Amino acid sequence: MQTSFILKENESRQTYNLLGHPAFLKVGGNDTQAQLSLFSGEYHKNQGPPLHFHAVDETFYILEGKFIFQAGDTR
């Protein structure tokens, strides 16, 4: 089991490029026995991930502004 760690606001375990936008891995599957991954990112107006599907739950926590989500045909 991994020991505890602390990341500062501007630190990440790894950085990914998702369609031209950086996504910062804060906690990954290797840290949680594949139970949770937590990413941080910043989007501007008319930006964000395209419609897509996951076989697992996905949660967004919006700190500022608005985001449109779609589940099936419901927006």
PDB file of N, CA and C in Angstrom:
ATOM      1  N   MET A   1       0.830  -1.166   0.000  1.00  0.00           N
ATOM      2  CA  MET A   1       0.000   0.000   0.000  1.00  0.00           C
ATOM      3  C   MET A   1       0.885   1.243   0.000  1.00  0.00           C
ATOM      4  N   GLN A   2       0.469   2.245  -0.736  1.00  0.00           N
ATOM      5  CA  GLN A   2       1.247   3.468  -0.857  1.00  0.00           C
ATOM      6  C   GLN A   2       1.105   4.328   0.394  1.00  0.00           C
ATOM      7  N   THR A   3       2.161   5.070   0.670  1.00  0.00           N
ATOM      8  CA  THR A   3       2.102   5.983   1.806  1.00  0.00           C
ATOM      9  C   THR A   3       1.333   7.237   1.424  1.00  0.00           C
ATOM     10  N   SER A   4       0.962   8.013   2.405  1.00  0.00           N
ATOM     11  CA  SER A   4       0.226   9.254   2.187  1.00  0.00           C
ATOM     12  C   SER A   4       1.060  10.246   1.392  1.00  0.00           C
ATOM     13  N   PHE A   5       0.372  11.164   0.716  1.00  0.00           N
ATOM     14  CA  PHE A   5       1.067  12.226   0.006  1.00  0.00           C
ATOM     15  C   PHE A   5       0.188  13.460  -0.008  1.00  0.00           C
ATOM     16  N   ILE A   6       0.811  14.594  -0.184  1.00  0.00           N
ATOM     17  CA  ILE A   6       0.107  15.871  -0.260  1.00  0.00           C
ATOM     18  C   ILE A   6       0.564  16.581  -1.525  1.00  0.00           C
ATOM     19  N   LEU A   7      -0.395  17.045  -2.309  1.00  0.00           N
ATOM     20  CA  LEU A   7      -0.085  17.831  -3.492  1.00  0.00           C
ATOM     21  C   LEU A   7      -0.527  19.261  -3.268  1.00  0.00           C
ATOM     22  N   LYS A   8       0.320  20.190  -3.618  1.00  0.00           N
ATOM     23  CA  LYS A   8      -0.063  21.599  -3.566  1.00  0.00           C
ATOM     24  C   LYS A   8      -1.005  21.896  -4.726  1.00  0.00           C
ATOM     25  N   GLU A   9      -1.679  23.028  -4.679  1.00  0.00           N
ATOM     26  CA  GLU A   9      -2.675  23.390  -5.688  1.00  0.00           C
ATOM     27  C   GLU A   9      -2.126  23.298  -7.111  1.00  0.00           C
ATOM     28  N   ASN A  10      -0.905  23.703  -7.328  1.00  0.00           N
ATOM     29  CA  ASN A  10      -0.333  23.702  -8.680  1.00  0.00           C
ATOM     30  C   ASN A  10       0.444  22.429  -9.012  1.00  0.00           C
ATOM     31  N   GLU A  11       0.332  21.390  -8.209  1.00  0.00           N
ATOM     32  CA  GLU A  11       1.037  20.131  -8.448  1.00  0.00           C
ATOM     33  C   GLU A  11       0.065  19.049  -8.916  1.00  0.00           C
ATOM     34  N   SER A  12       0.600  18.075  -9.636  1.00  0.00           N
ATOM     35  CA  SER A  12      -0.200  16.921 -10.051  1.00  0.00           C
ATOM     36  C   SER A  12       0.688  15.700 -10.113  1.00  0.00           C
ATOM     37  N   ARG A  13       0.060  14.530 -10.093  1.00  0.00           N
ATOM     38  CA  ARG A  13       0.799  13.268 -10.223  1.00  0.00           C
ATOM     39  C   ARG A  13       1.258  13.089 -11.667  1.00  0.00           C
ATOM     40  N   GLN A  14       0.410  13.557 -12.604  1.00  0.00           N
ATOM     41  CA  GLN A  14       0.700  13.442 -14.032  1.00  0.00           C
ATOM     42  C   GLN A  14      -0.215  14.416 -14.763  1.00  0.00           C
ATOM     43  N   THR A  15       0.222  14.903 -15.919  1.00  0.00           N
ATOM     44  CA  THR A  15      -0.585  15.807 -16.728  1.00  0.00           C
ATOM     45  C   THR A  15      -0.926  15.119 -18.035  1.00  0.00           C
ATOM     46  N   TYR A  16      -2.197  15.181 -18.423  1.00  0.00           N
ATOM     47  CA  TYR A  16      -2.674  14.601 -19.668  1.00  0.00           C
ATOM     48  C   TYR A  16      -3.161  15.712 -20.587  1.00  0.00           C
ATOM     49  N   ASN A  17      -3.089  15.495 -21.874  1.00  0.00           N
ATOM     50  CA  ASN A  17      -3.638  16.422 -22.854  1.00  0.00           C
ATOM     51  C   ASN A  17      -4.933  15.811 -23.367  1.00  0.00           C
ATOM     52  N   LEU A  18      -6.062  16.415 -23.006  1.00  0.00           N
ATOM     53  CA  LEU A  18      -7.363  15.923 -23.446  1.00  0.00           C
ATOM     54  C   LEU A  18      -7.933  16.899 -24.467  1.00  0.00           C
ATOM     55  N   LEU A  19      -7.794  16.566 -25.723  1.00  0.00           N
ATOM     56  CA  LEU A  19      -8.296  17.400 -26.812  1.00  0.00           C
ATOM     57  C   LEU A  19      -7.765  18.827 -26.735  1.00  0.00           C
ATOM     58  N   GLY A  20      -6.490  18.958 -26.425  1.00  0.00           N
ATOM     59  CA  GLY A  20      -5.861  20.262 -26.370  1.00  0.00           C
ATOM     60  C   GLY A  20      -5.975  20.977 -25.038  1.00  0.00           C
ATOM     61  N   HIS A  21      -6.601  20.356 -24.049  1.00  0.00           N
ATOM     62  CA  HIS A  21      -6.761  20.964 -22.730  1.00  0.00           C
ATOM     63  C   HIS A  21      -6.013  20.129 -21.702  1.00  0.00           C
ATOM     64  N   PRO A  22      -5.242  20.763 -20.836  1.00  0.00           N
ATOM     65  CA  PRO A  22      -4.543  19.984 -19.813  1.00  0.00           C
ATOM     66  C   PRO A  22      -5.492  19.461 -18.738  1.00  0.00           C
ATOM     67  N   ALA A  23      -5.289  18.236 -18.341  1.00  0.00           N
ATOM     68  CA  ALA A  23      -6.021  17.612 -17.233  1.00  0.00           C
ATOM     69  C   ALA A  23      -4.964  17.114 -16.258  1.00  0.00           C
ATOM     70  N   PHE A  24      -5.076  17.543 -15.025  1.00  0.00           N
ATOM     71  CA  PHE A  24      -4.061  17.263 -14.021  1.00  0.00           C
ATOM     72  C   PHE A  24      -4.530  16.155 -13.090  1.00  0.00           C
ATOM     73  N   LEU A  25      -3.831  15.043 -13.092  1.00  0.00           N
ATOM     74  CA  LEU A  25      -4.171  13.911 -12.239  1.00  0.00           C
ATOM     75  C   LEU A  25      -3.734  14.222 -10.814  1.00  0.00           C
ATOM     76  N   LYS A  26      -4.687  14.293  -9.910  1.00  0.00           N
ATOM     77  CA  LYS A  26      -4.401  14.554  -8.502  1.00  0.00           C
ATOM     78  C   LYS A  26      -4.292  13.253  -7.718  1.00  0.00           C
ATOM     79  N   VAL A  27      -5.222  12.324  -7.952  1.00  0.00           N
ATOM     80  CA  VAL A  27      -5.231  11.009  -7.315  1.00  0.00           C
ATOM     81  C   VAL A  27      -5.578  10.004  -8.395  1.00  0.00           C
ATOM     82  N   GLY A  28      -4.809   8.945  -8.521  1.00  0.00           N
ATOM     83  CA  GLY A  28      -5.039   7.971  -9.588  1.00  0.00           C
ATOM     84  C   GLY A  28      -5.381   6.591  -9.079  1.00  0.00           C
ATOM     85  N   GLY A  29      -5.703   5.738 -10.009  1.00  0.00           N
ATOM     86  CA  GLY A  29      -6.054   4.357  -9.679  1.00  0.00           C
ATOM     87  C   GLY A  29      -4.955   3.630  -8.929  1.00  0.00           C
ATOM     88  N   ASN A  30      -3.703   3.960  -9.226  1.00  0.00           N
ATOM     89  CA  ASN A  30      -2.590   3.330  -8.502  1.00  0.00           C
ATOM     90  C   ASN A  30      -2.572   3.733  -7.037  1.00  0.00           C
ATOM     91  N   ASP A  31      -3.146   4.885  -6.733  1.00  0.00           N
ATOM     92  CA  ASP A  31      -3.195   5.370  -5.356  1.00  0.00           C
ATOM     93  C   ASP A  31      -4.371   4.791  -4.581  1.00  0.00           C
ATOM     94  N   THR A  32      -5.408   4.306  -5.282  1.00  0.00           N
ATOM     95  CA  THR A  32      -6.669   3.934  -4.632  1.00  0.00           C
ATOM     96  C   THR A  32      -7.122   2.512  -4.962  1.00  0.00           C
ATOM     97  N   GLN A  33      -6.205   1.658  -5.349  1.00  0.00           N
ATOM     98  CA  GLN A  33      -6.534   0.289  -5.742  1.00  0.00           C
ATOM     99  C   GLN A  33      -7.627   0.284  -6.819  1.00  0.00           C
ATOM    100  N   ALA A  34      -7.477   1.193  -7.801  1.00  0.00           N
ATOM    101  CA  ALA A  34      -8.369   1.310  -8.966  1.00  0.00           C
ATOM    102  C   ALA A  34      -9.806   1.675  -8.590  1.00  0.00           C
ATOM    103  N   GLN A  35      -9.993   2.344  -7.456  1.00  0.00           N
ATOM    104  CA  GLN A  35     -11.338   2.718  -7.016  1.00  0.00           C
ATOM    105  C   GLN A  35     -11.712   4.143  -7.407  1.00  0.00           C
ATOM    106  N   LEU A  36     -10.715   5.009  -7.646  1.00  0.00           N
ATOM    107  CA  LEU A  36     -11.003   6.411  -7.875  1.00  0.00           C
ATOM    108  C   LEU A  36      -9.848   7.070  -8.609  1.00  0.00           C
ATOM    109  N   SER A  37     -10.174   7.957  -9.523  1.00  0.00           N
ATOM    110  CA  SER A  37      -9.207   8.867 -10.115  1.00  0.00           C
ATOM    111  C   SER A  37      -9.796  10.260 -10.013  1.00  0.00           C
ATOM    112  N   LEU A  38      -8.969  11.231  -9.698  1.00  0.00           N
ATOM    113  CA  LEU A  38      -9.422  12.599  -9.533  1.00  0.00           C
ATOM    114  C   LEU A  38      -8.546  13.511 -10.378  1.00  0.00           C
ATOM    115  N   PHE A  39      -9.193  14.245 -11.284  1.00  0.00           N
ATOM    116  CA  PHE A  39      -8.489  15.167 -12.171  1.00  0.00           C
ATOM    117  C   PHE A  39      -8.928  16.593 -11.868  1.00  0.00           C
ATOM    118  N   SER A  40      -8.053  17.517 -12.156  1.00  0.00           N
ATOM    119  CA  SER A  40      -8.353  18.936 -12.067  1.00  0.00           C
ATOM    120  C   SER A  40      -8.131  19.532 -13.453  1.00  0.00           C
ATOM    121  N   GLY A  41      -8.969  20.481 -13.833  1.00  0.00           N
ATOM    122  CA  GLY A  41      -8.807  21.126 -15.128  1.00  0.00           C
ATOM    123  C   GLY A  41      -9.551  22.434 -15.165  1.00  0.00           C
ATOM    124  N   GLU A  42      -9.285  23.209 -16.193  1.00  0.00           N
ATOM    125  CA  GLU A  42      -9.952  24.495 -16.361  1.00  0.00           C
ATOM    126  C   GLU A  42     -10.432  24.610 -17.802  1.00  0.00           C
ATOM    127  N   TYR A  43     -11.715  24.927 -17.940  1.00  0.00           N
ATOM    128  CA  TYR A  43     -12.306  25.125 -19.257  1.00  0.00           C
ATOM    129  C   TYR A  43     -12.857  26.535 -19.339  1.00  0.00           C
ATOM    130  N   HIS A  44     -12.866  27.064 -20.533  1.00  0.00           N
ATOM    131  CA  HIS A  44     -13.429  28.383 -20.786  1.00  0.00           C
ATOM    132  C   HIS A  44     -14.711  28.227 -21.592  1.00  0.00           C
ATOM    133  N   LYS A  45     -15.406  29.305 -21.820  1.00  0.00           N
ATOM    134  CA  LYS A  45     -16.689  29.264 -22.524  1.00  0.00           C
ATOM    135  C   LYS A  45     -16.561  28.481 -23.837  1.00  0.00           C
ATOM    136  N   ASN A  46     -17.538  27.611 -24.078  1.00  0.00           N
ATOM    137  CA  ASN A  46     -17.618  26.768 -25.277  1.00  0.00           C
ATOM    138  C   ASN A  46     -16.499  25.741 -25.373  1.00  0.00           C
ATOM    139  N   GLN A  47     -15.882  25.412 -24.265  1.00  0.00           N
ATOM    140  CA  GLN A  47     -14.874  24.352 -24.228  1.00  0.00           C
ATOM    141  C   GLN A  47     -15.391  23.222 -23.339  1.00  0.00           C
ATOM    142  N   GLY A  48     -14.788  22.090 -23.446  1.00  0.00           N
ATOM    143  CA  GLY A  48     -15.139  20.959 -22.605  1.00  0.00           C
ATOM    144  C   GLY A  48     -15.068  19.678 -23.398  1.00  0.00           C
ATOM    145  N   PRO A  49     -15.207  18.566 -22.740  1.00  0.00           N
ATOM    146  CA  PRO A  49     -15.121  17.287 -23.428  1.00  0.00           C
ATOM    147  C   PRO A  49     -16.309  17.081 -24.362  1.00  0.00           C
ATOM    148  N   PRO A  50     -16.105  16.350 -25.457  1.00  0.00           N
ATOM    149  CA  PRO A  50     -17.222  16.038 -26.349  1.00  0.00           C
ATOM    150  C   PRO A  50     -18.123  14.983 -25.707  1.00  0.00           C
ATOM    151  N   LEU A  51     -19.292  14.766 -26.281  1.00  0.00           N
ATOM    152  CA  LEU A  51     -20.156  13.697 -25.793  1.00  0.00           C
ATOM    153  C   LEU A  51     -19.378  12.390 -25.812  1.00  0.00           C
ATOM    154  N   HIS A  52     -19.447  11.669 -24.718  1.00  0.00           N
ATOM    155  CA  HIS A  52     -18.741  10.395 -24.629  1.00  0.00           C
ATOM    156  C   HIS A  52     -19.421   9.528 -23.571  1.00  0.00           C
ATOM    157  N   PHE A  53     -18.985   8.287 -23.482  1.00  0.00           N
ATOM    158  CA  PHE A  53     -19.596   7.309 -22.585  1.00  0.00           C
ATOM    159  C   PHE A  53     -18.518   6.640 -21.755  1.00  0.00           C
ATOM    160  N   HIS A  54     -18.822   6.412 -20.488  1.00  0.00           N
ATOM    161  CA  HIS A  54     -17.965   5.625 -19.609  1.00  0.00           C
ATOM    162  C   HIS A  54     -18.788   4.485 -19.029  1.00  0.00           C
ATOM    163  N   ALA A  55     -18.166   3.353 -18.815  1.00  0.00           N
ATOM    164  CA  ALA A  55     -18.835   2.217 -18.170  1.00  0.00           C
ATOM    165  C   ALA A  55     -18.755   2.347 -16.648  1.00  0.00           C
ATOM    166  N   VAL A  56     -18.183   3.457 -16.176  1.00  0.00           N
ATOM    167  CA  VAL A  56     -18.087   3.743 -14.741  1.00  0.00           C
ATOM    168  C   VAL A  56     -18.652   5.137 -14.496  1.00  0.00           C
ATOM    169  N   ASP A  57     -18.894   5.466 -13.234  1.00  0.00           N
ATOM    170  CA  ASP A  57     -19.406   6.791 -12.888  1.00  0.00           C
ATOM    171  C   ASP A  57     -18.372   7.869 -13.164  1.00  0.00           C
ATOM    172  N   GLU A  58     -18.863   9.041 -13.548  1.00  0.00           N
ATOM    173  CA  GLU A  58     -18.007  10.210 -13.730  1.00  0.00           C
ATOM    174  C   GLU A  58     -18.714  11.383 -13.059  1.00  0.00           C
ATOM    175  N   THR A  59     -17.980  12.133 -12.269  1.00  0.00           N
ATOM    176  CA  THR A  59     -18.535  13.257 -11.533  1.00  0.00           C
ATOM    177  C   THR A  59     -17.735  14.508 -11.845  1.00  0.00           C
ATOM    178  N   PHE A  60     -18.437  15.624 -12.015  1.00  0.00           N
ATOM    179  CA  PHE A  60     -17.789  16.914 -12.210  1.00  0.00           C
ATOM    180  C   PHE A  60     -18.140  17.795 -11.022  1.00  0.00           C
ATOM    181  N   TYR A  61     -17.194  18.571 -10.570  1.00  0.00           N
ATOM    182  CA  TYR A  61     -17.416  19.546  -9.502  1.00  0.00           C
ATOM    183  C   TYR A  61     -17.067  20.903 -10.089  1.00  0.00           C
ATOM    184  N   ILE A  62     -18.066  21.714 -10.362  1.00  0.00           N
ATOM    185  CA  ILE A  62     -17.887  23.001 -11.023  1.00  0.00           C
ATOM    186  C   ILE A  62     -17.696  24.077  -9.953  1.00  0.00           C
ATOM    187  N   LEU A  63     -16.569  24.757  -9.993  1.00  0.00           N
ATOM    188  CA  LEU A  63     -16.273  25.782  -8.997  1.00  0.00           C
ATOM    189  C   LEU A  63     -16.797  27.153  -9.391  1.00  0.00           C
ATOM    190  N   GLU A  64     -16.902  27.395 -10.706  1.00  0.00           N
ATOM    191  CA  GLU A  64     -17.329  28.710 -11.168  1.00  0.00           C
ATOM    192  C   GLU A  64     -17.887  28.574 -12.578  1.00  0.00           C
ATOM    193  N   GLY A  65     -18.938  29.319 -12.878  1.00  0.00           N
ATOM    194  CA  GLY A  65     -19.512  29.305 -14.217  1.00  0.00           C
ATOM    195  C   GLY A  65     -20.580  28.238 -14.368  1.00  0.00           C
ATOM    196  N   LYS A  66     -20.872  27.893 -15.611  1.00  0.00           N
ATOM    197  CA  LYS A  66     -21.919  26.927 -15.944  1.00  0.00           C
ATOM    198  C   LYS A  66     -21.368  25.876 -16.880  1.00  0.00           C
ATOM    199  N   PHE A  67     -21.966  24.698 -16.833  1.00  0.00           N
ATOM    200  CA  PHE A  67     -21.568  23.583 -17.683  1.00  0.00           C
ATOM    201  C   PHE A  67     -22.842  22.863 -18.114  1.00  0.00           C
ATOM    202  N   ILE A  68     -22.957  22.478 -19.356  1.00  0.00           N
ATOM    203  CA  ILE A  68     -24.110  21.713 -19.835  1.00  0.00           C
ATOM    204  C   ILE A  68     -23.712  20.243 -19.901  1.00  0.00           C
ATOM    205  N   PHE A  69     -24.541  19.402 -19.282  1.00  0.00           N
ATOM    206  CA  PHE A  69     -24.314  17.954 -19.310  1.00  0.00           C
ATOM    207  C   PHE A  69     -25.468  17.299 -20.037  1.00  0.00           C
ATOM    208  N   GLN A  70     -25.201  16.149 -20.626  1.00  0.00           N
ATOM    209  CA  GLN A  70     -26.242  15.392 -21.291  1.00  0.00           C
ATOM    210  C   GLN A  70     -26.167  13.939 -20.849  1.00  0.00           C
ATOM    211  N   ALA A  71     -27.314  13.392 -20.454  1.00  0.00           N
ATOM    212  CA  ALA A  71     -27.444  11.982 -20.101  1.00  0.00           C
ATOM    213  C   ALA A  71     -28.537  11.404 -20.977  1.00  0.00           C
ATOM    214  N   GLY A  72     -28.176  10.543 -21.903  1.00  0.00           N
ATOM    215  CA  GLY A  72     -29.131  10.056 -22.883  1.00  0.00           C
ATOM    216  C   GLY A  72     -29.560  11.217 -23.769  1.00  0.00           C
ATOM    217  N   ASP A  73     -30.864  11.471 -23.854  1.00  0.00           N
ATOM    218  CA  ASP A  73     -31.362  12.594 -24.631  1.00  0.00           C
ATOM    219  C   ASP A  73     -31.648  13.833 -23.779  1.00  0.00           C
ATOM    220  N   THR A  74     -31.360  13.735 -22.476  1.00  0.00           N
ATOM    221  CA  THR A  74     -31.672  14.823 -21.560  1.00  0.00           C
ATOM    222  C   THR A  74     -30.455  15.717 -21.342  1.00  0.00           C
ATOM    223  N   ARG A  75     -30.666  17.031 -21.520  1.00  0.00           N
ATOM    224  CA  ARG A  75     -29.606  18.013 -21.261  1.00  0.00           C
ATOM    225  C   ARG A  75     -29.941  18.782 -20.012  1.00  0.00           C
TER     226      ARG A  75
END
